[in-house]
Amino acid sequence: MINERCYVIRRRPYSETSLLLELLTSDSRSVHAIYRGAKRQHAVPIDLFCEYSMSWRARMGLVTLRSCELETTYALSDEALYAGLYLNELLRRGIHENQQVERVYGIYSDALTRLNDHANELEKTLRVFERKYLSALGYAISFDREQSSGHGIDAAINYAFEPREGFCRASESSSNQYSGRVLLDISSDDFHSEESRRVAKLVLRQALDHHLGEREIKARTLLSAKQYRDAASETTRYD
């Protein structure tokens, strides 16, 4: 019998009364488990963005849940809810079944806490999660140092980014150029300026798409659409 704290990052019907769960366990491992009788009246409800204590047995590659107890609930709503779905999709895209990736459980817990307690800092929460998640997967991005030379980023110089090589000094032919000052802000998790938020989003999205595959991340599209609708509504309110 295995006992773990875990989050449910995806749930799907398995039969008329059961669910197939994709779990992120406290040892930062992805586990797929069957929760038999999950839809019966006295079963513990299974929700996303909740931490559970679970126990299960694994036999011949089949993991079956034996007990489940709710520990912590994060009441995400509006944009924070879409952001949480985005985090879950990144986890599912980057961590394969039974794969263990050190530190991810804590990184995810911290992000849910910030989405729950500081919904107005959503962009910062997402960018910090993306940076730490890429680092845990082995694809760390240094925003304060050139990857190839090891030289520190100069605030007065523009840089180009390539997912496999990190940042290097931009040439005249570089299509996208980023201010060293902005990169240093991002390095210290300073997202007060619109430019730092814009650059961090572009660079981290490029890195995620390169390392996790460019297949559409559905929750990213939903979140962008929600932000666009909210911005349009705010604009028309004052027309």
Protein backbone atom coordinates (compact mmCIF):
# COMPACT_ATOMS: atom_id res chain seq x y z
CA MET A 1 0.00 0.00 0.00
CA ILE A 2 1.34 3.42 -0.98
CA ASN A 3 0.31 6.55 0.94
CA GLU A 4 0.91 10.00 -0.54
CA ARG A 5 -0.32 13.54 -0.53
CA CYS A 6 -1.25 14.53 -4.04
CA TYR A 7 -3.12 16.83 -6.39
CA VAL A 8 -5.52 15.72 -9.10
CA ILE A 9 -4.44 17.43 -12.30
CA ARG A 10 -6.94 15.62 -14.53
CA ARG A 11 -10.02 13.44 -14.04
CA ARG A 12 -11.92 11.45 -16.66
CA PRO A 13 -14.83 8.98 -16.57
CA TYR A 14 -13.62 5.39 -16.44
CA SER A 15 -16.96 3.60 -16.12
CA GLU A 16 -20.46 4.42 -14.90
CA THR A 17 -19.24 4.77 -11.31
CA SER A 18 -15.46 5.24 -11.56
CA LEU A 19 -12.91 7.89 -12.53
CA LEU A 20 -9.44 7.76 -14.05
CA LEU A 21 -7.24 10.26 -12.21
CA GLU A 22 -3.93 11.80 -13.19
CA LEU A 23 -2.14 12.67 -9.95
CA LEU A 24 0.88 14.76 -9.01
CA THR A 25 2.25 13.13 -5.87
CA SER A 26 4.22 14.73 -3.04
CA ASP A 27 7.42 13.11 -4.33
CA SER A 28 6.80 14.99 -7.62
CA ARG A 29 5.77 11.93 -9.61
CA SER A 30 2.95 11.51 -12.14
CA VAL A 31 0.63 8.62 -11.24
CA HIS A 32 -2.48 7.47 -13.13
CA ALA A 33 -4.99 5.79 -10.82
CA ILE A 34 -8.50 4.35 -10.99
CA TYR A 35 -10.92 5.59 -8.33
CA ARG A 36 -13.61 2.91 -8.22
CA GLY A 37 -17.02 4.02 -6.99
CA ALA A 38 -16.05 7.69 -7.25
CA LYS A 39 -19.55 8.66 -8.42
CA ARG A 40 -21.39 6.88 -5.64
CA GLN A 41 -23.19 8.85 -2.97
CA HIS A 42 -20.73 8.44 -0.09
CA ALA A 43 -17.50 8.72 -2.09
CA VAL A 44 -15.12 11.61 -1.38
CA PRO A 45 -15.69 14.19 -4.15
CA ILE A 46 -12.69 14.66 -6.43
CA ASP A 47 -11.93 18.21 -7.55
CA LEU A 48 -9.06 19.98 -9.24
CA PHE A 49 -6.93 22.41 -7.19
CA CYS A 50 -7.36 20.37 -4.01
CA GLU A 51 -4.71 18.53 -2.04
CA TYR A 52 -5.63 15.01 -0.89
CA SER A 53 -4.15 12.27 1.24
CA MET A 54 -4.53 9.12 -0.83
CA SER A 55 -3.50 5.50 -0.61
CA TRP A 56 -3.43 3.00 -3.45
CA ARG A 57 -2.25 -0.39 -4.58
CA ALA A 58 -0.40 -1.10 -7.80
CA ARG A 59 -0.78 -4.53 -9.36
CA MET A 60 0.37 -5.54 -12.85
CA GLY A 61 0.66 -1.90 -13.88
CA LEU A 62 -2.84 -1.00 -12.66
CA VAL A 63 -3.04 1.55 -9.83
CA THR A 64 -6.27 1.42 -7.80
CA LEU A 65 -7.18 4.00 -5.18
CA ARG A 66 -8.01 2.54 -1.76
CA SER A 67 -8.68 5.65 0.34
CA CYS A 68 -8.95 9.39 -0.15
CA GLU A 69 -9.15 12.32 2.29
CA LEU A 70 -9.38 16.02 1.45
CA GLU A 71 -6.61 18.15 2.99
CA THR A 72 -6.58 21.60 1.31
CA THR A 73 -8.88 23.42 -1.10
CA TYR A 74 -7.91 26.34 -3.33
CA ALA A 75 -11.00 28.32 -4.36
CA LEU A 76 -9.88 29.55 -7.78
CA SER A 77 -12.28 31.61 -9.88
CA ASP A 78 -12.34 33.84 -12.97
CA GLU A 79 -8.86 34.30 -14.48
CA ALA A 80 -7.21 32.41 -11.63
CA LEU A 81 -9.28 29.34 -12.55
CA TYR A 82 -8.13 29.48 -16.18
CA ALA A 83 -4.56 30.00 -14.95
CA GLY A 84 -4.84 26.89 -12.77
CA LEU A 85 -6.03 24.86 -15.75
CA TYR A 86 -3.03 26.17 -17.68
CA LEU A 87 -0.66 24.97 -14.94
CA ASN A 88 -2.29 21.54 -15.00
CA GLU A 89 -1.90 21.30 -18.75
CA LEU A 90 1.80 22.20 -18.52
CA LEU A 91 2.29 19.48 -15.89
CA ARG A 92 0.57 16.88 -18.04
CA ARG A 93 2.57 17.95 -21.09
CA GLY A 94 5.97 17.87 -19.39
CA ILE A 95 5.77 14.92 -16.97
CA HIS A 96 5.01 11.43 -18.27
CA GLU A 97 3.27 8.68 -16.35
CA ASN A 98 5.45 7.34 -13.49
CA GLN A 99 8.10 9.98 -14.23
CA GLN A 100 9.52 11.82 -11.23
CA VAL A 101 10.65 15.45 -11.54
CA GLU A 102 12.19 16.85 -8.36
CA ARG A 103 10.68 19.97 -6.74
CA VAL A 104 7.60 20.19 -8.98
CA TYR A 105 5.12 19.44 -6.18
CA GLY A 106 6.33 22.41 -4.14
CA ILE A 107 6.47 24.67 -7.21
CA TYR A 108 2.86 23.78 -8.05
CA SER A 109 1.69 24.22 -4.44
CA ASP A 110 3.28 27.67 -4.27
CA ALA A 111 1.60 28.70 -7.53
CA LEU A 112 -1.86 27.55 -6.35
CA THR A 113 -1.39 29.44 -3.09
CA ARG A 114 -0.51 32.64 -4.95
CA LEU A 115 -3.42 32.25 -7.38
CA ASN A 116 -5.72 31.77 -4.40
CA ASP A 117 -4.33 34.60 -2.23
CA HIS A 118 -3.00 37.10 -4.79
CA ALA A 119 -5.24 36.83 -7.86
CA ASN A 120 -4.25 40.38 -8.86
CA GLU A 121 -0.65 39.18 -9.41
CA LEU A 122 -1.64 36.47 -11.89
CA GLU A 123 0.97 37.34 -14.54
CA LYS A 124 3.80 37.22 -12.01
CA THR A 125 2.55 33.92 -10.59
CA LEU A 126 2.45 32.31 -14.04
CA ARG A 127 5.88 33.57 -15.10
CA VAL A 128 7.52 32.46 -11.84
CA PHE A 129 5.91 29.02 -12.17
CA GLU A 130 7.03 28.68 -15.80
CA ARG A 131 10.64 29.58 -14.94
CA LYS A 132 10.82 27.19 -12.00
CA TYR A 133 9.04 24.40 -13.90
CA LEU A 134 11.43 24.66 -16.85
CA SER A 135 14.35 24.59 -14.42
CA ALA A 136 12.98 21.46 -12.70
CA LEU A 137 12.65 19.77 -16.09
CA GLY A 138 16.31 20.56 -16.81
CA TYR A 139 15.74 23.55 -19.09
CA ALA A 140 16.69 26.44 -16.81
CA ILE A 141 16.82 29.92 -18.37
CA SER A 142 19.29 32.44 -16.95
CA PHE A 143 17.95 35.98 -17.32
CA ASP A 144 21.03 37.54 -15.69
CA ARG A 145 23.82 35.78 -17.61
CA GLU A 146 24.77 34.95 -21.18
CA GLN A 147 24.50 31.20 -21.65
CA SER A 148 27.55 30.62 -23.85
CA SER A 149 30.07 33.12 -22.47
CA GLY A 150 28.91 33.20 -18.86
CA HIS A 151 29.14 37.00 -18.86
CA GLY A 152 26.59 38.89 -16.80
CA ILE A 153 23.73 40.61 -18.61
CA ASP A 154 24.49 44.30 -19.22
CA ALA A 155 21.52 46.62 -18.64
CA ALA A 156 22.69 48.90 -21.49
CA ILE A 157 22.85 46.16 -24.15
CA ASN A 158 20.17 44.35 -26.17
CA TYR A 159 20.05 40.56 -26.29
CA ALA A 160 18.54 37.82 -28.45
CA PHE A 161 17.10 34.54 -27.14
CA GLU A 162 17.32 31.02 -28.50
CA PRO A 163 15.74 28.18 -26.46
CA ARG A 164 18.72 25.83 -26.81
CA GLU A 165 21.38 28.48 -26.19
CA GLY A 166 19.77 31.06 -23.91
CA PHE A 167 20.59 34.76 -24.24
CA CYS A 168 23.40 36.23 -26.31
CA ARG A 169 24.23 39.74 -27.47
CA ALA A 170 21.90 40.76 -30.28
CA SER A 171 23.23 41.47 -33.74
CA GLU A 172 21.70 43.77 -36.33
CA SER A 173 20.01 40.74 -37.91
CA SER A 174 18.39 39.54 -34.66
CA SER A 175 14.62 39.56 -35.18
CA ASN A 176 13.67 39.88 -31.51
CA GLN A 177 15.84 42.01 -29.25
CA TYR A 178 15.37 42.38 -25.51
CA SER A 179 16.75 45.10 -23.27
CA GLY A 180 19.30 43.91 -20.73
CA ARG A 181 17.63 46.13 -18.14
CA VAL A 182 14.33 44.28 -18.64
CA LEU A 183 16.04 40.88 -18.46
CA LEU A 184 17.60 41.82 -15.12
CA ASP A 185 14.17 42.87 -13.82
CA ILE A 186 12.77 39.47 -14.82
CA SER A 187 15.73 37.72 -13.19
CA SER A 188 14.74 39.27 -9.85
CA ASP A 189 11.01 38.51 -10.42
CA ASP A 190 10.26 42.22 -10.84
CA PHE A 191 7.23 42.41 -13.15
CA HIS A 192 6.04 45.92 -12.33
CA SER A 193 6.65 47.23 -15.85
CA GLU A 194 4.50 46.24 -18.81
CA GLU A 195 7.67 45.57 -20.81
CA SER A 196 9.04 43.05 -18.29
CA ARG A 197 5.70 41.20 -18.31
CA ARG A 198 5.62 41.20 -22.12
CA VAL A 199 9.20 39.98 -22.57
CA ALA A 200 8.93 37.29 -19.88
CA LYS A 201 5.76 35.95 -21.49
CA LEU A 202 7.32 35.85 -24.97
CA VAL A 203 10.60 34.23 -23.89
CA LEU A 204 9.06 31.65 -21.59
CA ARG A 205 6.38 30.73 -24.12
CA GLN A 206 9.08 30.22 -26.75
CA ALA A 207 11.04 27.99 -24.36
CA LEU A 208 7.98 25.98 -23.29
CA ASP A 209 6.88 25.41 -26.88
CA HIS A 210 10.38 24.30 -27.84
CA HIS A 211 10.85 21.86 -24.97
CA LEU A 212 7.27 20.59 -24.51
CA GLY A 213 6.14 20.68 -28.14
CA GLU A 214 4.22 23.30 -30.08
CA ARG A 215 0.87 21.50 -29.90
CA GLU A 216 -1.79 23.97 -28.76
CA ILE A 217 -2.17 24.41 -25.01
CA LYS A 218 -5.94 24.78 -24.75
CA ALA A 219 -6.00 26.50 -21.36
CA ARG A 220 -3.59 29.16 -22.66
CA THR A 221 -6.08 29.99 -25.41
CA LEU A 222 -8.96 30.12 -22.92
CA LEU A 223 -7.03 32.41 -20.57
CA SER A 224 -6.04 34.76 -23.40
CA ALA A 225 -9.65 34.91 -24.61
CA LYS A 226 -10.88 35.65 -21.08
CA GLN A 227 -8.34 38.48 -20.67
CA TYR A 228 -9.30 39.90 -24.07
CA ARG A 229 -13.02 39.87 -23.23
CA ASP A 230 -12.39 41.53 -19.87
CA ALA A 231 -10.22 44.23 -21.46
CA ALA A 232 -12.85 44.88 -24.15
CA SER A 233 -15.58 45.10 -21.52
CA GLU A 234 -13.51 47.56 -19.47
CA THR A 235 -12.90 49.70 -22.57
CA THR A 236 -16.54 49.87 -23.69
CA ARG A 237 -17.62 50.75 -20.17
CA TYR A 238 -16.01 54.17 -20.57
CA ASP A 239 -16.87 54.80 -24.25
